[in-house]
Protein backbone atom coordinates (compact mmCIF):
# COMPACT_ATOMS: atom_id res chain seq x y z
CA MET A 1 -24.22 45.69 60.34
CA VAL A 2 -21.74 44.44 62.91
CA ASN A 3 -18.11 44.86 61.90
CA PRO A 4 -16.85 41.24 61.67
CA SER A 5 -13.42 42.20 62.94
CA ARG A 6 -14.68 43.92 66.07
CA ASP A 7 -13.38 42.29 69.24
CA GLN A 8 -12.27 39.16 67.35
CA SER A 9 -8.89 39.27 69.04
CA ARG A 10 -10.66 38.77 72.34
CA VAL A 11 -12.66 35.70 71.23
CA ARG A 12 -10.89 32.39 70.90
CA LEU A 13 -13.09 29.88 69.10
CA GLU A 14 -13.43 26.66 71.05
CA GLU A 15 -14.51 23.29 69.64
CA ARG A 16 -18.12 23.87 70.69
CA ASP A 17 -18.08 27.32 69.09
CA ILE A 18 -17.01 25.78 65.78
CA GLU A 19 -19.78 23.17 66.07
CA ILE A 20 -22.33 25.94 66.68
CA LEU A 21 -21.10 27.93 63.67
CA GLU A 22 -21.29 24.79 61.50
CA HIS A 23 -24.82 24.22 62.78
CA VAL A 24 -25.76 27.79 61.79
CA PHE A 25 -24.24 27.21 58.35
CA ARG A 26 -26.22 23.97 57.92
CA TYR A 27 -29.58 25.62 58.64
CA ARG A 28 -28.65 29.14 57.49
CA MET A 29 -29.82 30.37 60.90
CA THR A 30 -30.39 29.30 64.45
CA VAL A 31 -32.36 30.28 67.53
CA ILE A 32 -31.49 29.83 71.19
CA GLU A 33 -34.04 27.03 71.65
CA ALA A 34 -32.46 24.95 68.89
CA LEU A 35 -29.03 25.00 70.54
CA GLU A 36 -30.57 24.04 73.86
CA ASN A 37 -32.68 21.26 72.35
CA LEU A 38 -29.74 19.77 70.44
CA GLY A 39 -27.71 19.30 73.61
CA PHE A 40 -24.89 21.75 72.98
CA PHE A 41 -25.12 22.66 76.66
CA ALA A 42 -25.56 20.68 79.86
CA ASP A 43 -29.02 20.81 81.42
CA ASP A 44 -27.61 22.32 84.60
CA THR A 45 -26.16 25.43 82.93
CA PRO A 46 -28.99 27.99 82.71
CA HIS A 47 -28.56 30.78 80.15
CA ALA A 48 -25.50 29.04 78.67
CA ALA A 49 -26.84 29.21 75.12
CA LYS A 50 -27.70 32.89 75.48
CA ASN A 51 -24.26 33.65 76.94
CA VAL A 52 -22.38 31.80 74.18
CA LEU A 53 -24.45 33.43 71.44
CA ARG A 54 -23.80 36.82 73.03
CA ARG A 55 -20.05 36.09 73.11
CA LEU A 56 -19.97 34.95 69.47
CA LYS A 57 -22.00 37.99 68.48
CA SER A 58 -19.76 40.44 70.33
CA GLY A 59 -16.73 38.68 68.86
CA GLY A 60 -17.95 39.33 65.33
CA PHE A 61 -18.96 35.77 64.39
CA LEU A 62 -22.76 36.00 64.57
CA ILE A 63 -25.34 38.66 63.80
CA SER A 64 -28.92 38.67 65.05
CA ALA A 65 -31.91 39.79 63.02
CA PRO A 66 -35.70 39.84 63.57
CA LEU A 67 -37.44 36.49 63.14
CA TYR A 68 -40.95 37.60 64.15
CA GLY A 69 -42.29 39.82 66.87
CA ASN A 70 -39.57 40.24 69.47
CA ARG A 71 -37.95 36.93 68.57
CA ARG A 72 -34.60 36.98 66.78
CA TYR A 73 -32.47 34.55 64.80
CA TYR A 74 -28.71 34.37 64.32
CA TYR A 75 -26.71 34.06 61.12
CA LEU A 76 -23.02 33.94 60.22
CA THR A 77 -20.70 36.86 59.61
CA PRO A 78 -17.98 36.70 56.91
CA ALA A 79 -15.44 36.07 59.69
CA ALA A 80 -17.44 33.05 60.88
CA ALA A 81 -17.78 31.70 57.34
CA HIS A 82 -14.00 31.91 56.87
CA ALA A 83 -13.42 30.31 60.27
CA ILE A 84 -15.30 27.16 59.20
CA GLY A 85 -13.99 27.11 55.65
CA TYR A 86 -16.75 28.72 53.58
CA SER A 87 -17.01 31.83 51.45
CA GLU A 88 -18.60 35.08 52.52
CA ALA A 89 -21.56 34.31 50.26
CA VAL A 90 -23.15 32.25 53.06
CA ALA A 91 -22.92 35.16 55.51
CA ARG A 92 -25.98 37.28 54.90
CA PRO A 93 -29.42 37.98 56.37
CA LEU A 94 -32.28 36.00 54.86
CA PRO A 95 -35.03 37.45 52.64
CA GLU A 96 -38.52 36.89 54.05
CA GLN A 97 -39.49 33.80 52.01
CA THR A 98 -36.06 32.23 52.50
CA LYS A 99 -36.30 32.98 56.21
CA THR A 100 -39.63 31.16 56.40
CA ASP A 101 -38.21 28.11 54.62
CA ALA A 102 -35.06 28.09 56.74
CA PHE A 103 -36.93 28.44 60.02
CA GLY A 104 -39.37 25.69 58.98
CA MET A 105 -36.48 23.31 58.34
CA LEU A 106 -34.73 24.33 61.57
CA ALA A 107 -37.92 23.88 63.61
CA PHE A 108 -38.69 20.49 62.03
CA CYS A 109 -35.17 19.13 62.52
CA CYS A 110 -34.08 20.78 65.76
CA LEU A 111 -37.06 21.98 67.81
CA ARG A 112 -39.10 18.77 68.00
CA ASP A 113 -38.52 15.86 70.38
CA THR A 114 -37.31 13.78 67.41
CA HIS A 115 -34.20 15.27 65.86
CA GLN A 116 -33.37 15.04 62.17
CA GLU A 117 -30.40 16.47 60.31
CA LYS A 118 -30.62 18.66 57.24
CA LEU A 119 -28.17 17.83 54.48
CA THR A 120 -26.01 20.63 53.18
CA LEU A 121 -25.93 20.97 49.41
CA GLU A 122 -22.43 19.48 49.31
CA GLU A 123 -23.47 16.54 51.50
CA PHE A 124 -26.42 15.84 49.23
CA ARG A 125 -24.26 16.08 46.13
CA SER A 126 -21.57 13.75 47.53
CA SER A 127 -23.98 11.24 49.13
CA PHE A 128 -26.48 11.16 46.25
CA PRO A 129 -24.49 12.18 43.15
CA LYS A 130 -26.98 10.60 40.73
CA LEU A 131 -29.84 12.57 42.27
CA PHE A 132 -28.14 15.95 42.25
CA ARG A 133 -29.14 18.53 39.67
CA ASN A 134 -27.73 22.02 39.14
CA GLY A 135 -29.94 24.57 40.86
CA GLU A 136 -31.08 21.99 43.42
CA ARG A 137 -32.60 23.52 46.54
CA PRO A 138 -30.90 22.28 49.74
CA ASN A 139 -34.16 21.12 51.32
CA TYR A 140 -33.16 17.51 52.00
CA TYR A 141 -32.65 15.70 55.28
CA LEU A 142 -31.97 12.17 56.49
CA ASP A 143 -35.08 10.64 58.00
CA THR A 144 -34.10 8.37 60.89
CA GLU A 145 -37.45 7.85 62.60
CA GLY A 146 -38.03 4.41 61.08
CA GLU A 147 -35.99 1.22 61.07
CA THR A 148 -34.02 2.30 58.00
CA LYS A 149 -32.74 5.70 56.93
CA ARG A 150 -34.61 7.46 54.16
CA LEU A 151 -33.97 10.56 52.14
CA GLY A 152 -36.48 13.26 53.02
CA PHE A 153 -37.47 16.42 51.21
CA VAL A 154 -39.15 19.37 52.93
CA ARG A 155 -41.59 21.90 51.49
CA VAL A 156 -42.75 24.71 53.75
CA ASP A 157 -46.30 25.96 53.18
CA ARG A 158 -45.99 29.74 52.91
CA GLY A 159 -49.58 30.16 51.82
CA GLY A 160 -51.23 30.86 55.16
CA MET A 161 -54.94 30.46 54.47
CA GLY A 162 -54.46 30.10 50.69
CA ARG A 163 -55.99 27.53 48.34
CA TRP A 164 -55.08 23.97 49.22
CA ASP A 165 -55.39 22.62 45.68
CA ARG A 166 -52.54 24.85 44.56
CA LEU A 167 -50.36 23.65 47.43
CA ILE A 168 -51.13 20.01 46.64
CA ALA A 169 -50.30 20.68 42.97
CA ARG A 170 -46.94 22.20 43.94
CA CYS A 171 -46.12 19.18 46.10
CA ARG A 172 -47.07 16.82 43.28
CA ASP A 173 -44.87 18.84 40.92
CA ASP A 174 -41.96 18.57 43.38
CA VAL A 175 -42.21 14.78 43.22
CA ALA A 176 -42.93 14.59 39.48
CA LYS A 177 -39.70 16.44 38.70
CA ARG A 178 -37.78 13.88 40.73
CA CYS A 179 -39.58 10.93 39.16
CA ASP A 180 -38.05 12.02 35.86
CA LEU A 181 -34.68 10.81 37.18
CA PRO A 182 -34.49 6.96 37.04
CA ASP A 183 -32.41 6.76 40.23
CA PHE A 184 -34.88 8.95 42.09
CA ARG A 185 -37.76 6.85 40.75
CA ARG A 186 -36.11 3.71 42.10
CA LEU A 187 -35.63 5.40 45.46
CA ILE A 188 -39.32 6.33 45.56
CA ASP A 189 -40.47 2.91 44.39
CA GLY A 190 -38.28 1.28 47.04
CA GLY A 191 -39.83 3.31 49.87
CA ALA A 192 -36.54 5.07 50.58
CA PHE A 193 -37.89 8.57 50.03
CA VAL A 194 -40.35 10.60 52.09
CA PHE A 195 -41.91 13.95 51.26
CA THR A 196 -42.51 16.23 54.25
CA LEU A 197 -44.87 19.18 54.16
CA LEU A 198 -44.75 21.73 56.97
CA THR A 199 -47.75 23.96 57.58
CA ALA A 200 -48.79 26.22 60.43
CA LEU A 201 -52.30 25.15 61.42
CA PRO A 202 -53.06 21.67 62.88
CA GLN A 203 -56.48 21.63 61.19
CA LYS A 204 -54.91 22.36 57.83
CA ALA A 205 -52.30 19.64 58.39
CA GLU A 206 -55.04 17.07 59.09
CA ARG A 207 -57.06 18.07 56.04
CA LEU A 208 -54.00 18.04 53.80
CA ALA A 209 -52.95 14.60 55.04
CA ASP A 210 -56.43 13.29 54.22
CA ALA A 211 -56.32 14.93 50.79
CA PHE A 212 -52.95 13.39 49.95
CA SER A 213 -54.18 9.98 51.09
CA GLU A 214 -57.23 10.21 48.84
CA ASP A 215 -55.26 11.65 45.95
CA GLY A 216 -52.93 8.68 45.48
CA PHE A 217 -49.68 10.59 45.99
CA PRO A 218 -46.77 8.76 44.28
CA CYS A 219 -44.61 8.50 47.42
CA GLU A 220 -45.07 8.58 51.17
CA ILE A 221 -45.98 12.04 52.36
CA GLN A 222 -46.15 13.26 55.93
CA VAL A 223 -47.67 16.55 57.01
CA PHE A 224 -46.60 18.33 60.21
CA SER A 225 -48.05 21.41 61.79
CA LEU A 226 -45.59 23.94 63.18
CA PRO A 227 -47.74 26.67 64.78
CA GLU A 228 -44.79 29.09 64.96
CA LEU A 229 -44.84 29.30 61.16
CA LEU A 230 -48.07 31.26 61.43
CA GLU A 231 -46.08 34.21 62.77
CA LEU A 232 -44.10 34.25 59.50
CA VAL A 233 -46.76 33.42 56.90
CA ALA A 234 -49.58 35.45 58.48
CA PRO A 235 -48.08 37.91 60.97
CA VAL A 236 -50.39 39.91 63.18
CA PRO A 237 -50.33 43.57 62.06
CA ILE A 238 -48.58 45.94 64.44
CA ARG A 239 -51.02 48.49 65.80
C-alpha cells in the first residue's frame, strides 16, 4: 500500500483537487473517464485527468487498484479522507461485490450522456430523515431526467447469466421493504420514486423490462444495460 504521507509536502491541494477527492468519496471510487465526462477538465487539455490523478496518487491522496483486465480504479487514502473531513474508515480498497456495485453506480451517474448524482448516506439521511433506516445502503440518487426531481434507488445485477425470477424477486423485496414505511409509500404512490436496475447485457435488460411491465411492479422501474459490468460479473478467464 502507498504510504499516505509520502511526498505530501510537495502536493498542495487546489480547489479542483478537493472536488475530485469529494467525488471519489461520493462514489467510493472513480475512473479517468468519469472525471473527463463530468467536466472537471477543459476539452482542450488532453491527458489532464491522467496527470492530476497521477499527481494526487504520488502525493499520497489516491491509490489505484485493479477494476478489471488492465483497467484500474482510484480510491481515497487516509490522508485524503482527513483532507475532506472524513474518517479513515472510508479509505480502503473495495471487496469484489462492493466494487461491482460501486462501479455500476459510478457508470450510471457519471459515464452516460445524462448525468445523475449519487446521494451520500449523510445527504440521504438529512434530506429524507423519515425514510432513513439504520443499516441503509447508500444506493440512492436524485433523478433529474424528468420535469420534477425524484428519488432513485439503484440495484446492480451481479448475477451474470443467473435466473431472472430470483433477480425480479430481489427487486420486488427491495421495494416491499420500503413500502412498509408510510412516508416511502406516499413517495411511491405520488410517482416521486424510481427504481433503477443495472444489468450487463442489452438483451437481458429488454427482457427484464418486459417482465417488470407484465408483473405489475408497485413503482416505476427502469432497466439499463451497462456492458462494462460484464467484465465484473462474468470476467473472461485468464489463459
